[in-house]
Amino acid sequence: MDISTQEDVPSENQIKQIKELVKSTPDGVKTVLVVGCGDGTEIKEFRNAGYEVIGIQVNKGQNAKIREQGFMARNMDMHFMDFENEAFDLIYCKDCFKQAISPTIAFAEFCRVAKKYILISEPDMRWAWKAHNYQLFTTGQFEIMGLKFNYPLIRHWIIHTPYVEQNNYLFKR
């Protein structure tokens, strides 16, 4: 598949992958923060699975649409979140960590706000061109980042879809 001609895949086309990620949520999680909540699909799936969930992103217009659907979405940057320490059991970040201007600051914020787990899901390296001047991390880079923040990587797995291989990284306090 020549992904250079591909458009971004809308969340509704990623529903199988999103449901699989929601099912992989570790035991003991009740509260979830969805970083980069897009059109709200991830929020909806977590809520349907029984979790208390809030989404954040910088797109005010998209957040308004999510709130119109009855979901909680706030305008916020992943680098500087205005939540209390350990406010959520799980931070879920899908397809936006590669857009962090400072991944170290963003990950530090995830560690501050997460009580138990961080789940980062990013596409394989074939999609690096879509990240423009940002970057996709390797498993080794994520391992080192987790160790530096005392939030070790405990699981890495790939979800195969027709359009991408999605790398998933689960960190635990």
N, C-alpha and C. Protein backbone atom coordinates (compact mmCIF):
# COMPACT_ATOMS: atom_id res chain seq x y z
N MET A 1 0.84 -1.17 0.00
CA MET A 1 0.00 0.00 0.00
C MET A 1 0.89 1.24 0.00
N ASP A 2 0.62 2.18 -0.88
CA ASP A 2 1.37 3.44 -0.93
C ASP A 2 0.68 4.43 -0.01
N ILE A 3 1.23 4.60 1.19
CA ILE A 3 0.57 5.48 2.15
C ILE A 3 0.81 6.95 1.85
N SER A 4 1.68 7.28 0.92
CA SER A 4 1.92 8.69 0.61
C SER A 4 0.69 9.33 0.00
N THR A 5 -0.24 8.53 -0.54
CA THR A 5 -1.45 9.09 -1.11
C THR A 5 -2.64 8.94 -0.17
N GLN A 6 -2.42 8.35 1.00
CA GLN A 6 -3.51 8.11 1.95
C GLN A 6 -3.89 9.39 2.69
N GLU A 7 -5.16 9.55 2.95
CA GLU A 7 -5.64 10.62 3.82
C GLU A 7 -5.65 10.08 5.24
N ASP A 8 -5.78 10.96 6.22
CA ASP A 8 -5.93 10.50 7.60
C ASP A 8 -7.16 9.61 7.69
N VAL A 9 -7.07 8.58 8.51
CA VAL A 9 -8.16 7.64 8.66
C VAL A 9 -9.09 8.15 9.76
N PRO A 10 -10.36 8.43 9.45
CA PRO A 10 -11.28 8.91 10.48
C PRO A 10 -11.46 7.88 11.59
N SER A 11 -11.72 8.36 12.81
CA SER A 11 -11.84 7.46 13.96
C SER A 11 -12.90 6.39 13.76
N GLU A 12 -14.00 6.73 13.10
CA GLU A 12 -15.04 5.71 12.93
C GLU A 12 -14.53 4.53 12.11
N ASN A 13 -13.50 4.74 11.28
CA ASN A 13 -12.89 3.65 10.52
C ASN A 13 -11.88 2.87 11.35
N GLN A 14 -11.57 3.37 12.53
CA GLN A 14 -10.61 2.72 13.40
C GLN A 14 -11.30 2.02 14.58
N ILE A 15 -12.60 1.85 14.51
CA ILE A 15 -13.38 1.39 15.66
C ILE A 15 -12.92 0.03 16.16
N LYS A 16 -12.56 -0.90 15.27
CA LYS A 16 -12.10 -2.22 15.71
C LYS A 16 -10.83 -2.07 16.54
N GLN A 17 -9.90 -1.27 16.06
CA GLN A 17 -8.65 -1.03 16.77
C GLN A 17 -8.92 -0.36 18.12
N ILE A 18 -9.79 0.63 18.15
CA ILE A 18 -10.11 1.35 19.39
C ILE A 18 -10.75 0.41 20.39
N LYS A 19 -11.68 -0.41 19.95
CA LYS A 19 -12.32 -1.38 20.86
C LYS A 19 -11.30 -2.35 21.43
N GLU A 20 -10.35 -2.79 20.60
CA GLU A 20 -9.32 -3.70 21.07
C GLU A 20 -8.46 -3.02 22.15
N LEU A 21 -8.14 -1.76 21.95
CA LEU A 21 -7.36 -1.03 22.95
C LEU A 21 -8.14 -0.84 24.24
N VAL A 22 -9.42 -0.54 24.14
CA VAL A 22 -10.25 -0.39 25.34
C VAL A 22 -10.30 -1.71 26.10
N LYS A 23 -10.44 -2.83 25.38
CA LYS A 23 -10.45 -4.14 26.03
C LYS A 23 -9.13 -4.46 26.72
N SER A 24 -8.05 -3.87 26.25
CA SER A 24 -6.73 -4.14 26.84
C SER A 24 -6.46 -3.30 28.08
N THR A 25 -7.42 -2.51 28.50
CA THR A 25 -7.25 -1.68 29.69
C THR A 25 -7.00 -2.57 30.90
N PRO A 26 -5.94 -2.28 31.65
CA PRO A 26 -5.61 -3.13 32.81
C PRO A 26 -6.71 -3.12 33.88
N ASP A 27 -6.73 -4.16 34.68
CA ASP A 27 -7.67 -4.24 35.80
C ASP A 27 -7.41 -3.10 36.77
N GLY A 28 -8.45 -2.67 37.45
CA GLY A 28 -8.32 -1.63 38.47
C GLY A 28 -8.44 -0.22 37.94
N VAL A 29 -8.64 -0.07 36.64
CA VAL A 29 -8.79 1.26 36.06
C VAL A 29 -10.26 1.66 36.10
N LYS A 30 -10.53 2.85 36.63
CA LYS A 30 -11.89 3.39 36.65
C LYS A 30 -11.99 4.72 35.93
N THR A 31 -10.90 5.51 35.99
CA THR A 31 -10.91 6.84 35.38
C THR A 31 -9.87 6.91 34.27
N VAL A 32 -10.27 7.53 33.14
CA VAL A 32 -9.41 7.59 31.96
C VAL A 32 -9.38 9.02 31.42
N LEU A 33 -8.19 9.47 31.08
CA LEU A 33 -8.01 10.72 30.35
C LEU A 33 -7.57 10.36 28.95
N VAL A 34 -8.34 10.79 27.94
CA VAL A 34 -8.00 10.57 26.54
C VAL A 34 -7.31 11.83 26.03
N VAL A 35 -6.03 11.72 25.76
CA VAL A 35 -5.25 12.85 25.25
C VAL A 35 -5.33 12.83 23.72
N GLY A 36 -5.75 13.96 23.15
CA GLY A 36 -5.95 14.02 21.70
C GLY A 36 -7.21 13.29 21.31
N CYS A 37 -8.33 13.71 21.89
CA CYS A 37 -9.58 12.93 21.80
C CYS A 37 -10.28 13.02 20.45
N GLY A 38 -9.73 13.73 19.49
CA GLY A 38 -10.24 13.71 18.12
C GLY A 38 -11.72 14.02 18.02
N ASP A 39 -12.47 13.10 17.40
CA ASP A 39 -13.90 13.31 17.22
C ASP A 39 -14.73 12.70 18.35
N GLY A 40 -14.08 12.18 19.37
CA GLY A 40 -14.78 11.64 20.54
C GLY A 40 -15.02 10.14 20.50
N THR A 41 -14.58 9.47 19.46
CA THR A 41 -14.83 8.03 19.33
C THR A 41 -14.22 7.26 20.50
N GLU A 42 -12.99 7.60 20.87
CA GLU A 42 -12.33 6.92 21.98
C GLU A 42 -13.07 7.18 23.29
N ILE A 43 -13.50 8.42 23.50
CA ILE A 43 -14.27 8.75 24.71
C ILE A 43 -15.53 7.90 24.77
N LYS A 44 -16.23 7.83 23.67
CA LYS A 44 -17.47 7.04 23.61
C LYS A 44 -17.22 5.57 23.95
N GLU A 45 -16.16 4.99 23.38
CA GLU A 45 -15.88 3.57 23.61
C GLU A 45 -15.48 3.30 25.06
N PHE A 46 -14.68 4.18 25.65
CA PHE A 46 -14.34 4.01 27.07
C PHE A 46 -15.58 4.17 27.95
N ARG A 47 -16.41 5.16 27.64
CA ARG A 47 -17.62 5.35 28.44
C ARG A 47 -18.57 4.15 28.29
N ASN A 48 -18.72 3.65 27.08
CA ASN A 48 -19.58 2.48 26.86
C ASN A 48 -19.07 1.25 27.61
N ALA A 49 -17.76 1.21 27.86
CA ALA A 49 -17.17 0.09 28.60
C ALA A 49 -17.24 0.30 30.11
N GLY A 50 -17.83 1.42 30.55
CA GLY A 50 -18.05 1.64 31.97
C GLY A 50 -17.04 2.52 32.69
N TYR A 51 -16.15 3.16 31.95
CA TYR A 51 -15.14 4.02 32.57
C TYR A 51 -15.63 5.46 32.68
N GLU A 52 -15.15 6.16 33.71
CA GLU A 52 -15.32 7.61 33.78
C GLU A 52 -14.24 8.19 32.89
N VAL A 53 -14.61 9.02 31.93
CA VAL A 53 -13.63 9.45 30.93
C VAL A 53 -13.81 10.93 30.59
N ILE A 54 -12.68 11.58 30.41
CA ILE A 54 -12.61 12.97 29.95
C ILE A 54 -11.59 13.00 28.82
N GLY A 55 -11.84 13.84 27.83
CA GLY A 55 -10.89 14.01 26.74
C GLY A 55 -10.31 15.40 26.73
N ILE A 56 -9.10 15.51 26.21
CA ILE A 56 -8.50 16.82 26.01
C ILE A 56 -7.90 16.89 24.61
N GLN A 57 -7.89 18.10 24.07
CA GLN A 57 -7.18 18.40 22.84
C GLN A 57 -7.18 19.91 22.66
N VAL A 58 -6.40 20.39 21.73
CA VAL A 58 -6.28 21.83 21.53
C VAL A 58 -7.32 22.37 20.55
N ASN A 59 -8.01 21.51 19.83
CA ASN A 59 -8.99 21.93 18.84
C ASN A 59 -10.32 22.30 19.50
N LYS A 60 -10.55 23.59 19.69
CA LYS A 60 -11.76 24.05 20.39
C LYS A 60 -13.03 23.69 19.63
N GLY A 61 -13.02 23.80 18.32
CA GLY A 61 -14.20 23.47 17.52
C GLY A 61 -14.58 22.00 17.64
N GLN A 62 -13.60 21.14 17.59
CA GLN A 62 -13.85 19.70 17.72
C GLN A 62 -14.35 19.38 19.13
N ASN A 63 -13.79 20.03 20.14
CA ASN A 63 -14.25 19.80 21.52
C ASN A 63 -15.70 20.20 21.68
N ALA A 64 -16.11 21.29 21.06
CA ALA A 64 -17.51 21.72 21.14
C ALA A 64 -18.43 20.65 20.55
N LYS A 65 -18.03 20.04 19.44
CA LYS A 65 -18.82 18.97 18.83
C LYS A 65 -18.91 17.76 19.75
N ILE A 66 -17.81 17.44 20.43
CA ILE A 66 -17.80 16.30 21.36
C ILE A 66 -18.75 16.59 22.52
N ARG A 67 -18.70 17.80 23.05
CA ARG A 67 -19.59 18.16 24.18
C ARG A 67 -21.05 18.13 23.75
N GLU A 68 -21.34 18.50 22.51
CA GLU A 68 -22.71 18.43 22.00
C GLU A 68 -23.24 17.00 22.02
N GLN A 69 -22.35 16.02 21.93
CA GLN A 69 -22.74 14.60 21.98
C GLN A 69 -22.90 14.10 23.42
N GLY A 70 -22.66 14.98 24.40
CA GLY A 70 -22.81 14.61 25.80
C GLY A 70 -21.56 14.08 26.46
N PHE A 71 -20.40 14.23 25.81
CA PHE A 71 -19.13 13.76 26.37
C PHE A 71 -18.36 14.93 26.95
N MET A 72 -17.45 14.64 27.86
CA MET A 72 -16.61 15.68 28.45
C MET A 72 -15.33 15.83 27.63
N ALA A 73 -15.09 17.04 27.16
CA ALA A 73 -13.86 17.34 26.42
C ALA A 73 -13.44 18.76 26.78
N ARG A 74 -12.15 18.89 27.07
CA ARG A 74 -11.62 20.19 27.48
C ARG A 74 -10.51 20.62 26.54
N ASN A 75 -10.37 21.93 26.38
CA ASN A 75 -9.29 22.49 25.59
C ASN A 75 -8.05 22.55 26.47
N MET A 76 -7.04 21.76 26.08
CA MET A 76 -5.85 21.70 26.90
C MET A 76 -4.72 21.11 26.06
N ASP A 77 -3.52 21.55 26.35
CA ASP A 77 -2.32 21.05 25.69
C ASP A 77 -1.72 19.94 26.55
N MET A 78 -1.25 18.87 25.92
CA MET A 78 -0.70 17.73 26.65
C MET A 78 0.56 18.09 27.43
N HIS A 79 1.20 19.18 27.09
CA HIS A 79 2.43 19.59 27.77
C HIS A 79 2.18 20.26 29.11
N PHE A 80 1.01 20.86 29.26
CA PHE A 80 0.69 21.63 30.47
C PHE A 80 -0.77 21.40 30.84
N MET A 81 -1.04 20.30 31.52
CA MET A 81 -2.42 19.94 31.88
C MET A 81 -2.76 20.52 33.24
N ASP A 82 -3.97 21.03 33.37
CA ASP A 82 -4.37 21.63 34.65
C ASP A 82 -5.20 20.67 35.51
N PHE A 83 -4.74 19.42 35.58
CA PHE A 83 -5.34 18.43 36.46
C PHE A 83 -4.46 18.25 37.69
N GLU A 84 -5.07 17.78 38.76
CA GLU A 84 -4.31 17.47 39.99
C GLU A 84 -3.36 16.30 39.72
N ASN A 85 -2.36 16.15 40.56
CA ASN A 85 -1.48 14.99 40.48
C ASN A 85 -2.29 13.72 40.67
N GLU A 86 -1.95 12.70 39.90
CA GLU A 86 -2.59 11.38 39.98
C GLU A 86 -4.12 11.47 39.88
N ALA A 87 -4.59 12.27 38.95
CA ALA A 87 -6.04 12.49 38.78
C ALA A 87 -6.75 11.35 38.05
N PHE A 88 -6.02 10.57 37.25
CA PHE A 88 -6.64 9.52 36.44
C PHE A 88 -5.87 8.21 36.61
N ASP A 89 -6.62 7.11 36.57
CA ASP A 89 -5.98 5.80 36.64
C ASP A 89 -5.17 5.51 35.38
N LEU A 90 -5.67 5.98 34.24
CA LEU A 90 -5.04 5.69 32.95
C LEU A 90 -5.02 6.96 32.09
N ILE A 91 -3.87 7.25 31.52
CA ILE A 91 -3.76 8.26 30.47
C ILE A 91 -3.67 7.48 29.17
N TYR A 92 -4.57 7.77 28.25
CA TYR A 92 -4.60 7.10 26.95
C TYR A 92 -4.32 8.14 25.87
N CYS A 93 -3.25 7.94 25.13
CA CYS A 93 -2.82 8.90 24.11
C CYS A 93 -2.68 8.15 22.79
N LYS A 94 -3.60 8.39 21.87
CA LYS A 94 -3.59 7.68 20.60
C LYS A 94 -3.32 8.65 19.45
N ASP A 95 -2.27 8.35 18.72
CA ASP A 95 -1.94 9.08 17.49
C ASP A 95 -1.65 10.56 17.68
N CYS A 96 -1.21 10.97 18.87
CA CYS A 96 -0.85 12.39 19.01
C CYS A 96 0.45 12.61 19.76
N PHE A 97 1.04 11.59 20.36
CA PHE A 97 2.31 11.80 21.05
C PHE A 97 3.39 12.25 20.06
N LYS A 98 3.29 11.77 18.83
CA LYS A 98 4.25 12.17 17.79
C LYS A 98 4.17 13.66 17.49
N GLN A 99 3.09 14.32 17.91
CA GLN A 99 2.93 15.75 17.67
C GLN A 99 3.39 16.60 18.84
N ALA A 100 3.88 15.96 19.88
CA ALA A 100 4.38 16.71 21.04
C ALA A 100 5.58 17.55 20.61
N ILE A 101 5.53 18.82 20.94
CA ILE A 101 6.66 19.70 20.64
C ILE A 101 7.85 19.30 21.51
N SER A 102 7.55 18.93 22.75
CA SER A 102 8.59 18.42 23.65
C SER A 102 8.08 17.12 24.26
N PRO A 103 8.42 15.98 23.64
CA PRO A 103 7.93 14.70 24.16
C PRO A 103 8.31 14.45 25.62
N THR A 104 9.46 14.92 26.05
CA THR A 104 9.88 14.71 27.43
C THR A 104 8.95 15.44 28.39
N ILE A 105 8.60 16.67 28.07
CA ILE A 105 7.67 17.43 28.93
C ILE A 105 6.30 16.78 28.90
N ALA A 106 5.83 16.37 27.72
CA ALA A 106 4.51 15.72 27.62
C ALA A 106 4.48 14.44 28.45
N PHE A 107 5.53 13.61 28.33
CA PHE A 107 5.56 12.36 29.09
C PHE A 107 5.63 12.64 30.59
N ALA A 108 6.38 13.66 30.99
CA ALA A 108 6.44 14.03 32.40
C ALA A 108 5.06 14.43 32.91
N GLU A 109 4.30 15.13 32.09
CA GLU A 109 2.93 15.50 32.47
C GLU A 109 2.05 14.27 32.59
N PHE A 110 2.19 13.33 31.66
CA PHE A 110 1.43 12.08 31.76
C PHE A 110 1.74 11.39 33.09
N CYS A 111 3.02 11.33 33.43
CA CYS A 111 3.44 10.67 34.67
C CYS A 111 2.88 11.38 35.89
N ARG A 112 2.81 12.69 35.84
CA ARG A 112 2.27 13.47 36.97
C ARG A 112 0.78 13.24 37.14
N VAL A 113 0.05 13.20 36.05
CA VAL A 113 -1.41 13.14 36.10
C VAL A 113 -1.93 11.70 36.23
N ALA A 114 -1.16 10.72 35.77
CA ALA A 114 -1.59 9.32 35.84
C ALA A 114 -1.33 8.74 37.22
N LYS A 115 -2.31 8.01 37.70
CA LYS A 115 -2.18 7.34 38.99
C LYS A 115 -1.55 5.95 38.84
N LYS A 116 -1.87 5.26 37.72
CA LYS A 116 -1.45 3.87 37.56
C LYS A 116 -0.78 3.56 36.23
N TYR A 117 -1.38 3.98 35.13
CA TYR A 117 -0.94 3.54 33.81
C TYR A 117 -0.93 4.68 32.80
N ILE A 118 -0.07 4.50 31.79
CA ILE A 118 -0.05 5.35 30.61
C ILE A 118 -0.06 4.41 29.41
N LEU A 119 -0.96 4.64 28.47
CA LEU A 119 -1.02 3.85 27.24
C LEU A 119 -0.85 4.81 26.07
N ILE A 120 0.24 4.64 25.35
CA ILE A 120 0.51 5.45 24.16
C ILE A 120 0.41 4.55 22.95
N SER A 121 -0.36 4.98 21.97
CA SER A 121 -0.58 4.20 20.76
C SER A 121 -0.21 5.08 19.56
N GLU A 122 0.76 4.61 18.79
CA GLU A 122 1.26 5.37 17.64
C GLU A 122 1.43 4.45 16.44
N PRO A 123 1.30 5.00 15.23
CA PRO A 123 1.46 4.18 14.03
C PRO A 123 2.91 3.75 13.82
N ASP A 124 3.09 2.77 12.95
CA ASP A 124 4.44 2.31 12.63
C ASP A 124 5.21 3.37 11.85
N MET A 125 6.48 3.10 11.64
CA MET A 125 7.38 4.08 11.01
C MET A 125 6.99 4.45 9.58
N ARG A 126 6.18 3.62 8.92
CA ARG A 126 5.76 3.97 7.56
C ARG A 126 4.96 5.27 7.54
N TRP A 127 4.41 5.65 8.71
CA TRP A 127 3.59 6.86 8.78
C TRP A 127 4.39 8.06 9.27
N ALA A 128 5.70 7.92 9.38
CA ALA A 128 6.54 9.00 9.91
C ALA A 128 6.40 10.28 9.11
N TRP A 129 6.17 10.17 7.83
CA TRP A 129 6.05 11.37 6.99
C TRP A 129 4.86 12.22 7.42
N LYS A 130 3.82 11.62 8.00
CA LYS A 130 2.66 12.39 8.45
C LYS A 130 2.97 13.19 9.71
N ALA A 131 4.03 12.84 10.40
CA ALA A 131 4.38 13.55 11.63
C ALA A 131 5.08 14.87 11.32
N HIS A 132 5.28 15.17 10.06
CA HIS A 132 5.91 16.41 9.62
C HIS A 132 7.26 16.61 10.32
N ASN A 133 7.40 17.66 11.12
CA ASN A 133 8.70 17.91 11.76
C ASN A 133 8.77 17.30 13.15
N TYR A 134 7.86 16.43 13.49
CA TYR A 134 7.87 15.76 14.78
C TYR A 134 8.42 14.36 14.60
N GLN A 135 8.19 13.47 15.57
CA GLN A 135 8.82 12.16 15.45
C GLN A 135 7.97 11.04 16.02
N LEU A 136 8.26 9.85 15.51
CA LEU A 136 7.74 8.63 16.08
C LEU A 136 8.87 7.99 16.87
N PHE A 137 8.54 7.39 18.01
CA PHE A 137 9.55 6.79 18.87
C PHE A 137 9.64 5.30 18.61
N THR A 138 10.83 4.76 18.84
CA THR A 138 11.03 3.32 18.77
C THR A 138 10.68 2.73 20.14
N THR A 139 10.54 1.42 20.19
CA THR A 139 10.28 0.75 21.46
C THR A 139 11.40 1.04 22.45
N GLY A 140 12.64 0.99 21.99
CA GLY A 140 13.78 1.26 22.86
C GLY A 140 13.75 2.67 23.44
N GLN A 141 13.38 3.64 22.63
CA GLN A 141 13.28 5.02 23.12
C GLN A 141 12.18 5.14 24.17
N PHE A 142 11.05 4.47 23.95
CA PHE A 142 9.98 4.50 24.96
C PHE A 142 10.43 3.81 26.25
N GLU A 143 11.17 2.70 26.12
CA GLU A 143 11.68 2.01 27.31
C GLU A 143 12.55 2.95 28.14
N ILE A 144 13.45 3.64 27.50
CA ILE A 144 14.35 4.55 28.21
C ILE A 144 13.57 5.70 28.84
N MET A 145 12.61 6.28 28.11
CA MET A 145 11.82 7.37 28.66
C MET A 145 11.06 6.91 29.91
N GLY A 146 10.44 5.74 29.83
CA GLY A 146 9.71 5.21 30.98
C GLY A 146 10.61 5.00 32.18
N LEU A 147 11.80 4.47 31.97
CA LEU A 147 12.74 4.24 33.07
C LEU A 147 13.20 5.56 33.69
N LYS A 148 13.44 6.56 32.87
CA LYS A 148 13.89 7.86 33.38
C LYS A 148 12.86 8.49 34.30
N PHE A 149 11.57 8.20 34.06
CA PHE A 149 10.50 8.79 34.86
C PHE A 149 9.93 7.81 35.87
N ASN A 150 10.60 6.68 36.06
CA ASN A 150 10.15 5.65 36.99
C ASN A 150 8.72 5.18 36.65
N TYR A 151 8.46 5.07 35.38
CA TYR A 151 7.18 4.59 34.86
C TYR A 151 7.52 3.58 33.77
N PRO A 152 8.03 2.39 34.14
CA PRO A 152 8.58 1.46 33.14
C PRO A 152 7.54 0.94 32.15
N LEU A 153 8.04 0.69 30.95
CA LEU A 153 7.25 0.06 29.90
C LEU A 153 7.04 -1.40 30.30
N ILE A 154 5.79 -1.82 30.44
CA ILE A 154 5.53 -3.21 30.85
C ILE A 154 4.98 -4.07 29.72
N ARG A 155 4.53 -3.41 28.64
CA ARG A 155 3.99 -4.20 27.53
C ARG A 155 4.07 -3.39 26.25
N HIS A 156 4.47 -4.06 25.19
CA HIS A 156 4.43 -3.49 23.84
C HIS A 156 3.76 -4.50 22.94
N TRP A 157 2.76 -4.07 22.18
CA TRP A 157 2.11 -4.96 21.23
C TRP A 157 1.67 -4.16 20.02
N ILE A 158 1.41 -4.89 18.95
CA ILE A 158 1.03 -4.27 17.68
C ILE A 158 -0.36 -4.74 17.30
N ILE A 159 -1.18 -3.80 16.87
CA ILE A 159 -2.49 -4.13 16.30
C ILE A 159 -2.37 -3.92 14.80
N HIS A 160 -2.64 -4.96 14.03
CA HIS A 160 -2.54 -4.92 12.58
C HIS A 160 -3.91 -4.53 12.00
N THR A 161 -3.91 -3.53 11.15
CA THR A 161 -5.12 -3.14 10.44
C THR A 161 -4.78 -3.04 8.96
N PRO A 162 -5.78 -2.90 8.11
CA PRO A 162 -5.47 -2.80 6.67
C PRO A 162 -4.62 -1.58 6.31
N TYR A 163 -4.65 -0.54 7.11
CA TYR A 163 -4.00 0.70 6.74
C TYR A 163 -2.76 1.03 7.57
N VAL A 164 -2.55 0.34 8.70
CA VAL A 164 -1.41 0.67 9.54
C VAL A 164 -1.15 -0.44 10.55
N GLU A 165 0.08 -0.54 10.97
CA GLU A 165 0.41 -1.35 12.14
C GLU A 165 0.56 -0.37 13.29
N GLN A 166 -0.31 -0.49 14.27
CA GLN A 166 -0.36 0.44 15.39
C GLN A 166 0.43 -0.14 16.56
N ASN A 167 1.48 0.57 16.98
CA ASN A 167 2.29 0.18 18.12
C ASN A 167 1.67 0.71 19.40
N ASN A 168 1.54 -0.15 20.40
CA ASN A 168 0.93 0.22 21.65
C ASN A 168 1.94 -0.01 22.78
N TYR A 169 2.08 0.99 23.62
CA TYR A 169 3.06 0.97 24.70
C TYR A 169 2.35 1.22 26.02
N LEU A 170 2.40 0.26 26.93
CA LEU A 170 1.75 0.39 28.22
C LEU A 170 2.82 0.54 29.31
N PHE A 171 2.71 1.64 30.04
CA PHE A 171 3.63 1.94 31.14
C PHE A 171 2.87 1.82 32.46
N LYS A 172 3.57 1.43 33.52
CA LYS A 172 2.94 1.28 34.83
C LYS A 172 3.79 1.94 35.90
N ARG A 173 3.12 2.63 36.80
CA ARG A 173 3.80 3.29 37.92
C ARG A 173 4.43 2.24 38.81
